[in-house]
Amino acid sequence: MKYLENLHDLLSDTYPNVNIQSNGELFRLKSENAVELLTTFEALLEAICDVDMKT
């Protein structure tokens, strides 16, 4: 949970077009820029699952 809160703070600096929304239980990434959205999602997967998606 803390990681997602930190991500919310960092997104505005790194990818200002990607927003993270929460309803308390579920989190949703939104963006009109598909490349930024996929890059952010990839970074989340790498951080949470400790995997390298670039292989």
Protein backbone atom coordinates (compact mmCIF):
# COMPACT_ATOMS: atom_id res chain seq x y z
CA MET A 1 0.00 0.00 0.00
CA LYS A 2 2.80 2.41 0.86
CA TYR A 3 4.42 1.70 -2.51
CA LEU A 4 1.23 2.82 -4.29
CA GLU A 5 1.07 5.99 -2.21
CA ASN A 6 4.67 6.77 -3.16
CA LEU A 7 3.90 6.00 -6.79
CA HIS A 8 1.05 8.50 -6.73
CA ASP A 9 3.49 11.20 -5.61
CA LEU A 10 6.12 10.26 -8.20
CA LEU A 11 3.80 9.97 -11.18
CA SER A 12 3.12 13.69 -11.36
CA ASP A 13 6.86 14.32 -11.82
CA THR A 14 7.69 11.40 -14.13
CA TYR A 15 4.51 10.84 -16.13
CA PRO A 16 2.14 13.75 -15.56
CA ASN A 17 -0.38 12.27 -18.00
CA VAL A 18 -0.79 9.06 -15.95
CA ASN A 19 -3.13 9.18 -12.98
CA ILE A 20 -3.67 6.60 -10.27
CA GLN A 21 -7.15 6.38 -8.77
CA SER A 22 -8.37 4.39 -5.82
CA ASN A 23 -11.74 3.46 -4.39
CA GLY A 24 -10.13 2.17 -1.19
CA GLU A 25 -9.63 -1.41 -2.34
CA LEU A 26 -8.81 -1.22 -6.04
CA PHE A 27 -6.33 0.99 -7.83
CA ARG A 28 -6.69 2.09 -11.44
CA LEU A 29 -4.14 3.67 -13.74
CA LYS A 30 -5.56 6.05 -16.32
CA SER A 31 -3.97 7.90 -19.19
CA GLU A 32 -4.70 9.01 -22.72
CA ASN A 33 -1.05 8.29 -23.56
CA ALA A 34 -0.80 4.52 -24.06
CA VAL A 35 3.01 4.45 -24.03
CA GLU A 36 3.24 6.22 -20.68
CA LEU A 37 0.50 4.01 -19.26
CA LEU A 38 2.24 0.80 -20.33
CA THR A 39 5.61 2.05 -19.10
CA THR A 40 4.11 2.82 -15.70
CA PHE A 41 2.35 -0.55 -15.55
CA GLU A 42 5.58 -2.33 -16.50
CA ALA A 43 7.46 -0.50 -13.73
CA LEU A 44 4.78 -1.52 -11.23
CA LEU A 45 5.03 -5.17 -12.24
CA GLU A 46 8.81 -5.11 -12.00
CA ALA A 47 8.72 -3.52 -8.55
CA ILE A 48 5.94 -5.64 -7.09
CA CYS A 49 6.96 -8.99 -8.59
CA ASP A 50 10.71 -8.32 -8.63
CA VAL A 51 11.02 -9.33 -12.28
CA ASP A 52 12.72 -7.78 -15.28
CA MET A 53 10.20 -7.29 -18.09
CA LYS A 54 12.87 -6.27 -20.61
CA THR A 55 14.19 -9.78 -21.21
